[in-house]
PDB file of N, CA and C in Angstrom:
ATOM      1  N   MET A   1      98.952 126.243 117.877  1.00  0.00           N
ATOM      2  CA  MET A   1      99.896 124.950 117.843  1.00  0.00           C
ATOM      3  C   MET A   1     100.064 123.997 116.695  1.00  0.00           C
ATOM      4  N   LEU A   2     101.383 124.056 115.943  1.00  0.00           N
ATOM      5  CA  LEU A   2     101.457 123.199 114.799  1.00  0.00           C
ATOM      6  C   LEU A   2     101.400 122.010 114.678  1.00  0.00           C
ATOM      7  N   PRO A   3     100.824 120.836 114.033  1.00  0.00           N
ATOM      8  CA  PRO A   3     100.942 119.869 113.908  1.00  0.00           C
ATOM      9  C   PRO A   3     102.431 119.244 113.891  1.00  0.00           C
ATOM     10  N   VAL A   4     102.607 118.031 114.623  1.00  0.00           N
ATOM     11  CA  VAL A   4     103.815 117.479 114.898  1.00  0.00           C
ATOM     12  C   VAL A   4     104.511 116.962 113.308  1.00  0.00           C
ATOM     13  N   ILE A   5     105.614 117.059 112.976  1.00  0.00           N
ATOM     14  CA  ILE A   5     106.062 115.972 111.787  1.00  0.00           C
ATOM     15  C   ILE A   5     105.625 114.797 111.702  1.00  0.00           C
ATOM     16  N   GLY A   6     105.313 114.267 110.710  1.00  0.00           N
ATOM     17  CA  GLY A   6     104.712 113.010 110.654  1.00  0.00           C
ATOM     18  C   GLY A   6     103.226 112.852 110.767  1.00  0.00           C
ATOM     19  N   THR A   7     102.508 113.783 111.346  1.00  0.00           N
ATOM     20  CA  THR A   7     101.044 114.009 111.539  1.00  0.00           C
ATOM     21  C   THR A   7     100.253 113.779 109.990  1.00  0.00           C
ATOM     22  N   PHE A   8      99.251 113.471 109.881  1.00  0.00           N
ATOM     23  CA  PHE A   8      98.378 113.297 108.491  1.00  0.00           C
ATOM     24  C   PHE A   8      97.654 114.185 108.846  1.00  0.00           C
ATOM     25  N   VAL A   9      96.946 115.086 108.027  1.00  0.00           N
ATOM     26  CA  VAL A   9      96.187 116.465 108.192  1.00  0.00           C
ATOM     27  C   VAL A   9      95.593 116.421 106.912  1.00  0.00           C
ATOM     28  N   MET A  10      94.319 116.875 106.423  1.00  0.00           N
ATOM     29  CA  MET A  10      93.580 117.328 105.610  1.00  0.00           C
ATOM     30  C   MET A  10      93.521 118.729 105.249  1.00  0.00           C
ATOM     31  N   ASP A  11      93.868 119.009 104.207  1.00  0.00           N
ATOM     32  CA  ASP A  11      93.763 120.623 103.709  1.00  0.00           C
ATOM     33  C   ASP A  11      92.391 120.672 103.130  1.00  0.00           C
ATOM     34  N   ILE A  12      91.956 121.365 104.216  1.00  0.00           N
ATOM     35  CA  ILE A  12      90.233 121.682 103.651  1.00  0.00           C
ATOM     36  C   ILE A  12      90.195 122.534 102.489  1.00  0.00           C
ATOM     37  N   ARG A  13      91.498 123.545 102.217  1.00  0.00           N
ATOM     38  CA  ARG A  13      91.081 124.054 100.861  1.00  0.00           C
ATOM     39  C   ARG A  13      91.192 123.488  99.606  1.00  0.00           C
ATOM     40  N   LYS A  14      92.226 122.421  99.690  1.00  0.00           N
ATOM     41  CA  LYS A  14      92.516 121.571  98.814  1.00  0.00           C
ATOM     42  C   LYS A  14      91.642 120.143  98.574  1.00  0.00           C
ATOM     43  N   GLU A  15      90.879 120.149  99.864  1.00  0.00           N
ATOM     44  CA  GLU A  15      90.363 118.599 100.098  1.00  0.00           C
ATOM     45  C   GLU A  15      91.528 117.650  99.653  1.00  0.00           C
ATOM     46  N   LYS A  16      92.344 117.597 100.386  1.00  0.00           N
ATOM     47  CA  LYS A  16      93.673 116.767  99.911  1.00  0.00           C
ATOM     48  C   LYS A  16      94.309 116.167 101.252  1.00  0.00           C
ATOM     49  N   VAL A  17      94.570 114.732 101.634  1.00  0.00           N
ATOM     50  CA  VAL A  17      95.135 114.684 102.727  1.00  0.00           C
ATOM     51  C   VAL A  17      96.863 114.709 102.405  1.00  0.00           C
ATOM     52  N   GLY A  18      97.517 114.876 103.530  1.00  0.00           N
ATOM     53  CA  GLY A  18      99.148 115.225 103.718  1.00  0.00           C
ATOM     54  C   GLY A  18      99.813 115.162 104.612  1.00  0.00           C
ATOM     55  N   GLN A  19     101.249 114.562 104.687  1.00  0.00           N
ATOM     56  CA  GLN A  19     101.834 114.209 106.143  1.00  0.00           C
ATOM     57  C   GLN A  19     102.783 115.303 106.277  1.00  0.00           C
ATOM     58  N   VAL A  20     102.675 115.834 107.439  1.00  0.00           N
ATOM     59  CA  VAL A  20     103.329 117.164 107.806  1.00  0.00           C
ATOM     60  C   VAL A  20     104.847 116.868 107.514  1.00  0.00           C
ATOM     61  N   MET A  21     105.486 117.855 106.749  1.00  0.00           N
ATOM     62  CA  MET A  21     106.932 117.152 106.501  1.00  0.00           C
ATOM     63  C   MET A  21     107.849 118.052 107.251  1.00  0.00           C
ATOM     64  N   GLY A  22     107.078 118.906 107.367  1.00  0.00           N
ATOM     65  CA  GLY A  22     108.259 120.479 108.345  1.00  0.00           C
ATOM     66  C   GLY A  22     107.411 121.587 108.406  1.00  0.00           C
ATOM     67  N   HIS A  23     108.033 122.474 108.954  1.00  0.00           N
ATOM     68  CA  HIS A  23     107.308 124.054 109.239  1.00  0.00           C
ATOM     69  C   HIS A  23     108.277 125.045 108.741  1.00  0.00           C
ATOM     70  N   GLU A  24     107.727 125.578 107.954  1.00  0.00           N
ATOM     71  CA  GLU A  24     108.893 127.146 107.424  1.00  0.00           C
ATOM     72  C   GLU A  24     107.919 128.279 107.784  1.00  0.00           C
ATOM     73  N   GLY A  25     108.590 128.800 108.985  1.00  0.00           N
ATOM     74  CA  GLY A  25     107.817 130.058 109.448  1.00  0.00           C
ATOM     75  C   GLY A  25     106.370 129.743 109.978  1.00  0.00           C
ATOM     76  N   PRO A  26     105.324 130.258 109.553  1.00  0.00           N
ATOM     77  CA  PRO A  26     104.147 130.277 109.793  1.00  0.00           C
ATOM     78  C   PRO A  26     103.662 128.813 108.986  1.00  0.00           C
ATOM     79  N   ARG A  27     104.017 128.364 107.923  1.00  0.00           N
ATOM     80  CA  ARG A  27     103.422 127.529 106.973  1.00  0.00           C
ATOM     81  C   ARG A  27     103.818 126.209 107.473  1.00  0.00           C
ATOM     82  N   LEU A  28     103.165 125.153 106.678  1.00  0.00           N
ATOM     83  CA  LEU A  28     103.429 123.945 106.723  1.00  0.00           C
ATOM     84  C   LEU A  28     103.689 123.240 105.554  1.00  0.00           C
ATOM     85  N   GLN A  29     104.499 122.445 105.491  1.00  0.00           N
ATOM     86  CA  GLN A  29     104.757 121.722 104.556  1.00  0.00           C
ATOM     87  C   GLN A  29     104.439 120.229 104.569  1.00  0.00           C
ATOM     88  N   LEU A  30     103.504 119.812 103.259  1.00  0.00           N
ATOM     89  CA  LEU A  30     102.630 118.884 103.649  1.00  0.00           C
ATOM     90  C   LEU A  30     103.156 117.693 102.128  1.00  0.00           C
ATOM     91  N   ARG A  31     102.982 116.681 102.187  1.00  0.00           N
ATOM     92  CA  ARG A  31     103.319 115.715 101.097  1.00  0.00           C
ATOM     93  C   ARG A  31     102.337 114.551 101.100  1.00  0.00           C
ATOM     94  N   PRO A  32     101.882 114.444 100.085  1.00  0.00           N
ATOM     95  CA  PRO A  32     100.549 113.081 100.078  1.00  0.00           C
ATOM     96  C   PRO A  32     101.444 111.811 100.536  1.00  0.00           C
ATOM     97  N   PRO A  33     100.244 110.978 101.253  1.00  0.00           N
ATOM     98  CA  PRO A  33     100.513 110.128 101.867  1.00  0.00           C
ATOM     99  C   PRO A  33     101.739 108.779 101.053  1.00  0.00           C
ATOM    100  N   ALA A  34     101.258 108.758  99.962  1.00  0.00           N
ATOM    101  CA  ALA A  34     101.928 107.598  99.190  1.00  0.00           C
ATOM    102  C   ALA A  34     103.199 108.357  98.269  1.00  0.00           C
ATOM    103  N   GLY A  35     103.649 109.609  98.851  1.00  0.00           N
ATOM    104  CA  GLY A  35     104.997 110.495  98.583  1.00  0.00           C
ATOM    105  C   GLY A  35     104.585 111.056  97.339  1.00  0.00           C
ATOM    106  N   GLY A  36     105.093 112.291  96.795  1.00  0.00           N
ATOM    107  CA  GLY A  36     105.160 113.151  95.800  1.00  0.00           C
ATOM    108  C   GLY A  36     105.542 114.640  96.035  1.00  0.00           C
ATOM    109  N   LYS A  37     104.983 115.455  95.372  1.00  0.00           N
ATOM    110  CA  LYS A  37     105.461 116.835  95.440  1.00  0.00           C
ATOM    111  C   LYS A  37     105.014 117.347  96.827  1.00  0.00           C
ATOM    112  N   GLU A  38     105.520 117.975  97.524  1.00  0.00           N
ATOM    113  CA  GLU A  38     105.006 118.853  98.806  1.00  0.00           C
ATOM    114  C   GLU A  38     104.413 120.013  98.174  1.00  0.00           C
ATOM    115  N   TRP A  39     103.511 120.556  99.178  1.00  0.00           N
ATOM    116  CA  TRP A  39     102.906 121.937  99.015  1.00  0.00           C
ATOM    117  C   TRP A  39     103.361 122.730 100.418  1.00  0.00           C
ATOM    118  N   GLU A  40     102.705 123.655 100.293  1.00  0.00           N
ATOM    119  CA  GLU A  40     102.692 124.541 101.642  1.00  0.00           C
ATOM    120  C   GLU A  40     101.353 124.707 101.811  1.00  0.00           C
ATOM    121  N   VAL A  41     101.016 125.071 103.248  1.00  0.00           N
ATOM    122  CA  VAL A  41      99.440 125.293 103.517  1.00  0.00           C
ATOM    123  C   VAL A  41      99.731 126.289 104.945  1.00  0.00           C
ATOM    124  N   GLU A  42      98.731 126.934 105.282  1.00  0.00           N
ATOM    125  CA  GLU A  42      98.487 127.954 106.473  1.00  0.00           C
ATOM    126  C   GLU A  42      97.973 126.935 107.253  1.00  0.00           C
ATOM    127  N   PRO A  43      98.499 126.838 108.840  1.00  0.00           N
ATOM    128  CA  PRO A  43      98.070 125.640 109.715  1.00  0.00           C
ATOM    129  C   PRO A  43      96.389 126.196 109.907  1.00  0.00           C
ATOM    130  N   ASP A  44      95.629 127.197 109.613  1.00  0.00           N
ATOM    131  CA  ASP A  44      94.500 127.155 109.961  1.00  0.00           C
ATOM    132  C   ASP A  44      93.451 126.480 108.820  1.00  0.00           C
ATOM    133  N   ALA A  45      94.407 125.972 108.067  1.00  0.00           N
ATOM    134  CA  ALA A  45      93.482 125.452 106.562  1.00  0.00           C
ATOM    135  C   ALA A  45      93.550 123.867 106.619  1.00  0.00           C
ATOM    136  N   VAL A  46      93.844 123.398 108.029  1.00  0.00           N
ATOM    137  CA  VAL A  46      94.355 122.028 107.862  1.00  0.00           C
ATOM    138  C   VAL A  46      93.637 121.587 109.116  1.00  0.00           C
ATOM    139  N   ARG A  47      93.365 119.740 109.308  1.00  0.00           N
ATOM    140  CA  ARG A  47      92.426 119.459 110.544  1.00  0.00           C
ATOM    141  C   ARG A  47      93.095 118.089 110.274  1.00  0.00           C
ATOM    142  N   LEU A  48      93.238 117.541 111.505  1.00  0.00           N
ATOM    143  CA  LEU A  48      93.417 116.078 111.243  1.00  0.00           C
ATOM    144  C   LEU A  48      92.705 115.244 110.513  1.00  0.00           C
ATOM    145  N   ALA A  49      93.354 114.572 109.717  1.00  0.00           N
ATOM    146  CA  ALA A  49      92.699 113.243 108.972  1.00  0.00           C
ATOM    147  C   ALA A  49      92.233 112.386 109.890  1.00  0.00           C
ATOM    148  N   THR A  50      91.077 112.016 109.158  1.00  0.00           N
ATOM    149  CA  THR A  50      90.433 110.568 109.759  1.00  0.00           C
ATOM    150  C   THR A  50      91.290 109.154 109.469  1.00  0.00           C
ATOM    151  N   ALA A  51      91.107 108.325 109.926  1.00  0.00           N
ATOM    152  CA  ALA A  51      91.519 107.145 109.382  1.00  0.00           C
ATOM    153  C   ALA A  51      91.245 106.748 107.969  1.00  0.00           C
ATOM    154  N   ALA A  52      89.756 106.824 107.759  1.00  0.00           N
ATOM    155  CA  ALA A  52      89.552 106.722 106.281  1.00  0.00           C
ATOM    156  C   ALA A  52      90.291 107.493 105.377  1.00  0.00           C
ATOM    157  N   GLU A  53      90.460 108.801 105.533  1.00  0.00           N
ATOM    158  CA  GLU A  53      91.123 109.703 104.915  1.00  0.00           C
ATOM    159  C   GLU A  53      92.286 109.430 104.603  1.00  0.00           C
ATOM    160  N   ARG A  54      93.145 109.080 105.479  1.00  0.00           N
ATOM    161  CA  ARG A  54      94.439 108.508 105.761  1.00  0.00           C
ATOM    162  C   ARG A  54      94.827 107.443 104.499  1.00  0.00           C
ATOM    163  N   ILE A  55      94.076 106.259 104.554  1.00  0.00           N
ATOM    164  CA  ILE A  55      94.190 105.612 103.647  1.00  0.00           C
ATOM    165  C   ILE A  55      93.299 105.755 102.432  1.00  0.00           C
ATOM    166  N   GLY A  56      92.796 106.726 102.065  1.00  0.00           N
ATOM    167  CA  GLY A  56      92.236 106.769 100.822  1.00  0.00           C
ATOM    168  C   GLY A  56      91.090 106.604 100.589  1.00  0.00           C
ATOM    169  N   ILE A  57      90.376 105.988 101.616  1.00  0.00           N
ATOM    170  CA  ILE A  57      88.661 105.700 101.379  1.00  0.00           C
ATOM    171  C   ILE A  57      87.647 106.857 101.437  1.00  0.00           C
ATOM    172  N   GLY A  58      87.053 106.512 100.459  1.00  0.00           N
ATOM    173  CA  GLY A  58      85.645 107.715 100.323  1.00  0.00           C
ATOM    174  C   GLY A  58      84.912 107.274  99.548  1.00  0.00           C
ATOM    175  N   PRO A  59      83.503 107.899  99.266  1.00  0.00           N
ATOM    176  CA  PRO A  59      82.409 107.568  98.738  1.00  0.00           C
ATOM    177  C   PRO A  59      82.848 106.675  97.093  1.00  0.00           C
ATOM    178  N   GLY A  60      82.171 105.557  96.855  1.00  0.00           N
ATOM    179  CA  GLY A  60      82.779 105.087  96.082  1.00  0.00           C
ATOM    180  C   GLY A  60      83.927 103.970  96.036  1.00  0.00           C
ATOM    181  N   SER A  61      84.274 104.105  96.901  1.00  0.00           N
ATOM    182  CA  SER A  61      85.988 102.946  97.424  1.00  0.00           C
ATOM    183  C   SER A  61      85.358 101.805  97.161  1.00  0.00           C
ATOM    184  N   MET A  62      86.051 100.635  96.864  1.00  0.00           N
ATOM    185  CA  MET A  62      85.420  99.420  97.383  1.00  0.00           C
ATOM    186  C   MET A  62      86.344  99.100  98.400  1.00  0.00           C
ATOM    187  N   VAL A  63      85.814  98.490  99.355  1.00  0.00           N
ATOM    188  CA  VAL A  63      86.595  98.192 100.618  1.00  0.00           C
ATOM    189  C   VAL A  63      86.393  96.682 101.119  1.00  0.00           C
ATOM    190  N   ILE A  64      86.817  96.335 102.027  1.00  0.00           N
ATOM    191  CA  ILE A  64      86.491  94.825 102.680  1.00  0.00           C
ATOM    192  C   ILE A  64      86.628  95.366 104.233  1.00  0.00           C
ATOM    193  N   ASP A  65      85.128  94.685 104.780  1.00  0.00           N
ATOM    194  CA  ASP A  65      85.067  95.168 106.648  1.00  0.00           C
ATOM    195  C   ASP A  65      85.841  94.049 106.875  1.00  0.00           C
ATOM    196  N   THR A  66      86.826  94.270 107.913  1.00  0.00           N
ATOM    197  CA  THR A  66      88.187  93.508 108.228  1.00  0.00           C
ATOM    198  C   THR A  66      87.248  92.742 109.517  1.00  0.00           C
ATOM    199  N   VAL A  67      86.405  93.042 109.992  1.00  0.00           N
ATOM    200  CA  VAL A  67      86.074  92.694 111.202  1.00  0.00           C
ATOM    201  C   VAL A  67      84.533  91.395 110.487  1.00  0.00           C
ATOM    202  N   THR A  68      83.891  91.852 110.044  1.00  0.00           N
ATOM    203  CA  THR A  68      82.594  90.810 109.426  1.00  0.00           C
ATOM    204  C   THR A  68      83.061  89.850 107.900  1.00  0.00           C
ATOM    205  N   GLY A  69      84.389  90.743 107.326  1.00  0.00           N
ATOM    206  CA  GLY A  69      84.598  90.308 106.088  1.00  0.00           C
ATOM    207  C   GLY A  69      83.639  90.397 104.682  1.00  0.00           C
ATOM    208  N   GLY A  70      82.531  91.395 104.988  1.00  0.00           N
ATOM    209  CA  GLY A  70      81.768  92.030 103.864  1.00  0.00           C
ATOM    210  C   GLY A  70      82.508  92.728 103.018  1.00  0.00           C
ATOM    211  N   THR A  71      81.867  92.967 101.865  1.00  0.00           N
ATOM    212  CA  THR A  71      82.597  93.621 100.809  1.00  0.00           C
ATOM    213  C   THR A  71      81.755  94.600 100.197  1.00  0.00           C
ATOM    214  N   GLY A  72      82.173  95.646  99.892  1.00  0.00           N
ATOM    215  CA  GLY A  72      80.971  96.602  99.206  1.00  0.00           C
ATOM    216  C   GLY A  72      81.831  97.798  98.968  1.00  0.00           C
ATOM    217  N   ARG A  73      80.882  99.088  98.684  1.00  0.00           N
ATOM    218  CA  ARG A  73      81.521 100.155  98.076  1.00  0.00           C
ATOM    219  C   ARG A  73      80.892 101.203  99.222  1.00  0.00           C
ATOM    220  N   VAL A  74      81.822 102.204  99.416  1.00  0.00           N
ATOM    221  CA  VAL A  74      81.490 102.998 100.465  1.00  0.00           C
ATOM    222  C   VAL A  74      80.479 103.997  99.835  1.00  0.00           C
ATOM    223  N   THR A  75      79.528 104.214 100.796  1.00  0.00           N
ATOM    224  CA  THR A  75      78.278 105.195 100.113  1.00  0.00           C
ATOM    225  C   THR A  75      78.547 106.435 101.258  1.00  0.00           C
ATOM    226  N   ALA A  76      79.116 106.447 102.381  1.00  0.00           N
ATOM    227  CA  ALA A  76      79.912 107.924 103.149  1.00  0.00           C
ATOM    228  C   ALA A  76      80.617 107.633 104.013  1.00  0.00           C
ATOM    229  N   VAL A  77      81.203 108.514 104.769  1.00  0.00           N
ATOM    230  CA  VAL A  77      82.412 108.580 105.289  1.00  0.00           C
ATOM    231  C   VAL A  77      81.675 109.925 106.537  1.00  0.00           C
ATOM    232  N   ASP A  78      81.497 109.259 107.724  1.00  0.00           N
ATOM    233  CA  ASP A  78      80.957 110.359 109.043  1.00  0.00           C
ATOM    234  C   ASP A  78      82.006 111.012 109.305  1.00  0.00           C
ATOM    235  N   GLY A  79      81.968 112.440 110.185  1.00  0.00           N
ATOM    236  CA  GLY A  79      82.753 112.654 110.592  1.00  0.00           C
ATOM    237  C   GLY A  79      83.411 111.951 111.909  1.00  0.00           C
ATOM    238  N   ASN A  80      82.799 111.328 112.503  1.00  0.00           N
ATOM    239  CA  ASN A  80      83.512 110.221 113.765  1.00  0.00           C
ATOM    240  C   ASN A  80      84.282 109.114 113.106  1.00  0.00           C
ATOM    241  N   GLY A  81      84.167 109.010 111.871  1.00  0.00           N
ATOM    242  CA  GLY A  81      84.928 107.745 111.110  1.00  0.00           C
ATOM    243  C   GLY A  81      84.084 106.598 110.868  1.00  0.00           C
ATOM    244  N   MET A  82      82.769 106.844 111.260  1.00  0.00           N
ATOM    245  CA  MET A  82      82.015 105.582 110.725  1.00  0.00           C
ATOM    246  C   MET A  82      81.844 105.450 109.353  1.00  0.00           C
ATOM    247  N   ILE A  83      81.983 104.453 108.523  1.00  0.00           N
ATOM    248  CA  ILE A  83      81.690 104.031 107.076  1.00  0.00           C
ATOM    249  C   ILE A  83      80.731 103.701 106.905  1.00  0.00           C
ATOM    250  N   SER A  84      79.830 104.047 105.725  1.00  0.00           N
ATOM    251  CA  SER A  84      78.483 103.258 105.093  1.00  0.00           C
ATOM    252  C   SER A  84      78.936 102.402 103.967  1.00  0.00           C
ATOM    253  N   ILE A  85      78.622 101.196 104.103  1.00  0.00           N
ATOM    254  CA  ILE A  85      79.190 100.476 103.114  1.00  0.00           C
ATOM    255  C   ILE A  85      77.583  99.903 102.599  1.00  0.00           C
ATOM    256  N   GLN A  86      77.747  99.519 101.027  1.00  0.00           N
ATOM    257  CA  GLN A  86      76.524  98.750 100.331  1.00  0.00           C
ATOM    258  C   GLN A  86      77.180  98.134  99.647  1.00  0.00           C
ATOM    259  N   HIS A  87      76.821  96.487  99.774  1.00  0.00           N
ATOM    260  CA  HIS A  87      77.125  95.303  98.674  1.00  0.00           C
ATOM    261  C   HIS A  87      76.372  95.591  97.388  1.00  0.00           C
ATOM    262  N   PRO A  88      76.631  95.228  96.435  1.00  0.00           N
ATOM    263  CA  PRO A  88      76.015  95.120  95.286  1.00  0.00           C
ATOM    264  C   PRO A  88      74.449  94.805  95.543  1.00  0.00           C
ATOM    265  N   ASN A  89      74.126  93.469  96.449  1.00  0.00           N
ATOM    266  CA  ASN A  89      73.017  92.865  96.612  1.00  0.00           C
ATOM    267  C   ASN A  89      72.121  93.803  97.177  1.00  0.00           C
ATOM    268  N   GLY A  90      72.538  95.132  97.787  1.00  0.00           N
ATOM    269  CA  GLY A  90      71.540  95.800  98.504  1.00  0.00           C
ATOM    270  C   GLY A  90      71.828  95.918  99.854  1.00  0.00           C
ATOM    271  N   HIS A  91      72.528  94.974 100.629  1.00  0.00           N
ATOM    272  CA  HIS A  91      72.841  94.972 102.066  1.00  0.00           C
ATOM    273  C   HIS A  91      73.623  95.965 102.087  1.00  0.00           C
ATOM    274  N   ALA A  92      73.484  96.612 103.242  1.00  0.00           N
ATOM    275  CA  ALA A  92      74.034  97.987 103.620  1.00  0.00           C
ATOM    276  C   ALA A  92      74.166  97.948 105.149  1.00  0.00           C
ATOM    277  N   TRP A  93      75.759  98.620 105.930  1.00  0.00           N
ATOM    278  CA  TRP A  93      76.075  98.565 107.436  1.00  0.00           C
ATOM    279  C   TRP A  93      77.106  99.426 107.207  1.00  0.00           C
ATOM    280  N   ARG A  94      77.106  99.676 108.727  1.00  0.00           N
ATOM    281  CA  ARG A  94      78.524 100.510 108.743  1.00  0.00           C
ATOM    282  C   ARG A  94      79.421 100.117 109.749  1.00  0.00           C
ATOM    283  N   SER A  95      80.581 100.911 109.717  1.00  0.00           N
ATOM    284  CA  SER A  95      81.884 100.200 109.935  1.00  0.00           C
ATOM    285  C   SER A  95      82.711 100.713 110.320  1.00  0.00           C
ATOM    286  N   CYS A  96      83.670 100.916 111.237  1.00  0.00           N
ATOM    287  CA  CYS A  96      85.004 101.600 111.297  1.00  0.00           C
ATOM    288  C   CYS A  96      86.159 100.654 111.283  1.00  0.00           C
ATOM    289  N   THR A  97      86.068  99.770 110.622  1.00  0.00           N
ATOM    290  CA  THR A  97      87.201  98.855 110.354  1.00  0.00           C
ATOM    291  C   THR A  97      87.252  98.301 109.121  1.00  0.00           C
ATOM    292  N   VAL A  98      87.882  98.968 107.925  1.00  0.00           N
ATOM    293  CA  VAL A  98      87.872  98.802 106.787  1.00  0.00           C
ATOM    294  C   VAL A  98      88.995  98.947 106.527  1.00  0.00           C
ATOM    295  N   ARG A  99      89.389  98.306 104.776  1.00  0.00           N
ATOM    296  CA  ARG A  99      90.520  98.264 104.471  1.00  0.00           C
ATOM    297  C   ARG A  99      90.360  98.302 102.953  1.00  0.00           C
ATOM    298  N   PRO A 100      91.163  99.001 102.431  1.00  0.00           N
ATOM    299  CA  PRO A 100      90.748  99.000 100.749  1.00  0.00           C
ATOM    300  C   PRO A 100      90.867  97.350 100.084  1.00  0.00           C
ATOM    301  N   ALA A 101      90.122  97.794  98.976  1.00  0.00           N
ATOM    302  CA  ALA A 101      90.029  96.093  98.259  1.00  0.00           C
ATOM    303  C   ALA A 101      91.120  95.776  97.623  1.00  0.00           C
ATOM    304  N   ASP A 102      91.558  94.543  97.437  1.00  0.00           N
ATOM    305  CA  ASP A 102      92.699  94.252  96.246  1.00  0.00           C
ATOM    306  C   ASP A 102      92.251  94.119  95.144  1.00  0.00           C
ATOM    307  N   ARG A 103      93.291  93.916  94.292  1.00  0.00           N
ATOM    308  CA  ARG A 103      92.592  93.693  92.801  1.00  0.00           C
ATOM    309  C   ARG A 103      91.505  92.539  92.352  1.00  0.00           C
ATOM    310  N   VAL A 104      92.013  91.265  93.137  1.00  0.00           N
ATOM    311  CA  VAL A 104      90.868  90.069  93.188  1.00  0.00           C
ATOM    312  C   VAL A 104      89.856  90.382  93.700  1.00  0.00           C
ATOM    313  N   GLU A 105      89.444  91.314  94.959  1.00  0.00           N
ATOM    314  CA  GLU A 105      88.189  91.569  95.872  1.00  0.00           C
ATOM    315  C   GLU A 105      87.596  92.630  95.053  1.00  0.00           C
ATOM    316  N   ARG A 106      88.313  93.476  94.354  1.00  0.00           N
ATOM    317  CA  ARG A 106      87.644  94.813  93.441  1.00  0.00           C
ATOM    318  C   ARG A 106      87.026  93.696  92.063  1.00  0.00           C
ATOM    319  N   LEU A 107      87.944  93.042  91.291  1.00  0.00           N
ATOM    320  CA  LEU A 107      87.430  91.898  90.701  1.00  0.00           C
ATOM    321  C   LEU A 107      85.968  91.248  90.809  1.00  0.00           C
ATOM    322  N   ASN A 108      86.022  90.771  92.037  1.00  0.00           N
ATOM    323  CA  ASN A 108      84.793  90.110  92.562  1.00  0.00           C
ATOM    324  C   ASN A 108      83.398  91.334  92.784  1.00  0.00           C
ATOM    325  N   LEU A 109      83.858  92.228  93.312  1.00  0.00           N
ATOM    326  CA  LEU A 109      82.607  93.532  93.551  1.00  0.00           C
ATOM    327  C   LEU A 109      82.589  93.657  92.164  1.00  0.00           C
ATOM    328  N   LEU A 110      83.215  94.017  91.340  1.00  0.00           N
ATOM    329  CA  LEU A 110      82.741  94.427  89.967  1.00  0.00           C
ATOM    330  C   LEU A 110      81.825  93.254  89.228  1.00  0.00           C
ATOM    331  N   ALA A 111      82.076  92.252  89.569  1.00  0.00           N
ATOM    332  CA  ALA A 111      81.309  90.974  88.879  1.00  0.00           C
ATOM    333  C   ALA A 111      79.808  91.167  89.560  1.00  0.00           C
ATOM    334  N   ALA A 112      80.083  91.055  90.760  1.00  0.00           N
ATOM    335  CA  ALA A 112      78.566  90.718  91.835  1.00  0.00           C
ATOM    336  C   ALA A 112      78.030  92.305  91.271  1.00  0.00           C
ATOM    337  N   ASP A 113      78.683  93.570  90.839  1.00  0.00           N
ATOM    338  CA  ASP A 113      78.055  94.702  90.392  1.00  0.00           C
ATOM    339  C   ASP A 113      77.131  94.276  88.994  1.00  0.00           C
ATOM    340  N   ALA A 114      77.580  93.717  88.025  1.00  0.00           N
ATOM    341  CA  ALA A 114      77.181  93.280  87.012  1.00  0.00           C
ATOM    342  C   ALA A 114      76.184  92.284  86.790  1.00  0.00           C
ATOM    343  N   VAL A 115      76.362  91.528  88.052  1.00  0.00           N
ATOM    344  CA  VAL A 115      75.220  90.260  88.240  1.00  0.00           C
ATOM    345  C   VAL A 115      74.061  91.363  88.767  1.00  0.00           C
ATOM    346  N   ALA A 116      74.327  92.148  89.498  1.00  0.00           N
ATOM    347  CA  ALA A 116      73.070  92.888  89.979  1.00  0.00           C
ATOM    348  C   ALA A 116      72.515  93.639  88.636  1.00  0.00           C
ATOM    349  N   ALA A 117      73.498  94.372  88.336  1.00  0.00           N
ATOM    350  CA  ALA A 117      72.722  95.303  86.927  1.00  0.00           C
ATOM    351  C   ALA A 117      71.889  93.994  85.902  1.00  0.00           C
ATOM    352  N   GLN A 118      72.491  93.047  85.903  1.00  0.00           N
ATOM    353  CA  GLN A 118      71.563  92.254  84.990  1.00  0.00           C
ATOM    354  C   GLN A 118      70.457  91.598  85.332  1.00  0.00           C
ATOM    355  N   ARG A 119      70.372  91.499  86.646  1.00  0.00           N
ATOM    356  CA  ARG A 119      68.937  91.473  87.107  1.00  0.00           C
ATOM    357  C   ARG A 119      68.170  92.547  86.780  1.00  0.00           C
ATOM    358  N   THR A 120      68.642  93.443  87.432  1.00  0.00           N
ATOM    359  CA  THR A 120      67.719  94.960  87.425  1.00  0.00           C
ATOM    360  C   THR A 120      67.124  95.056  85.693  1.00  0.00           C
ATOM    361  N   ILE A 121      67.897  94.617  84.765  1.00  0.00           N
ATOM    362  CA  ILE A 121      67.458  94.641  83.218  1.00  0.00           C
ATOM    363  C   ILE A 121      66.264  93.487  83.211  1.00  0.00           C
ATOM    364  N   GLN A 122      66.709  92.362  83.375  1.00  0.00           N
ATOM    365  CA  GLN A 122      65.854  91.255  83.509  1.00  0.00           C
ATOM    366  C   GLN A 122      64.478  91.414  84.052  1.00  0.00           C
ATOM    367  N   TRP A 123      64.863  92.306  85.151  1.00  0.00           N
ATOM    368  CA  TRP A 123      63.300  92.429  85.981  1.00  0.00           C
ATOM    369  C   TRP A 123      62.796  93.411  85.163  1.00  0.00           C
ATOM    370  N   SER A 124      63.311  94.523  84.902  1.00  0.00           N
ATOM    371  CA  SER A 124      62.644  95.812  84.037  1.00  0.00           C
ATOM    372  C   SER A 124      62.156  95.394  82.677  1.00  0.00           C
ATOM    373  N   ASP A 125      62.775  94.400  82.030  1.00  0.00           N
ATOM    374  CA  ASP A 125      62.222  94.002  80.727  1.00  0.00           C
ATOM    375  C   ASP A 125      61.005  93.222  80.961  1.00  0.00           C
ATOM    376  N   GLY A 126      61.036  92.257  81.758  1.00  0.00           N
ATOM    377  CA  GLY A 126      59.851  91.268  82.187  1.00  0.00           C
ATOM    378  C   GLY A 126      58.767  92.001  82.412  1.00  0.00           C
ATOM    379  N   GLN A 127      58.651  93.591  83.046  1.00  0.00           N
ATOM    380  CA  GLN A 127      57.517  94.043  83.773  1.00  0.00           C
ATOM    381  C   GLN A 127      57.034  95.133  82.554  1.00  0.00           C
ATOM    382  N   ASP A 128      57.590  95.173  81.064  1.00  0.00           N
ATOM    383  CA  ASP A 128      56.803  95.741  80.176  1.00  0.00           C
ATOM    384  C   ASP A 128      55.913  95.508  79.457  1.00  0.00           C
TER     385      ASP A 128
END
């Protein structure tokens, strides 16, 4: 059975998320979620995209946990939709309710990364 038009799927060959725009014979026409050039793929080369994949969250992404308000970088995304997050201070947690960080939030995380890196440098310099 072919996915319904409008469904977000993961092209497992290209490792790319696309929205089903139509069916041409046995092939699917997909378009990137933010728009762009369509491509075709065989139906057996797609699976439903997870919520994290649909909004472009993957390892290294800066995110905000919408329940706790915590900020950090994604370290892993499980197949069941759970996202592992780590703050620059080392605190780590898992959540399924995140959103991408906006510009100001990304700057705050980068500043926290810099402070954590500076502490590491000072600590290692003091041990020599």
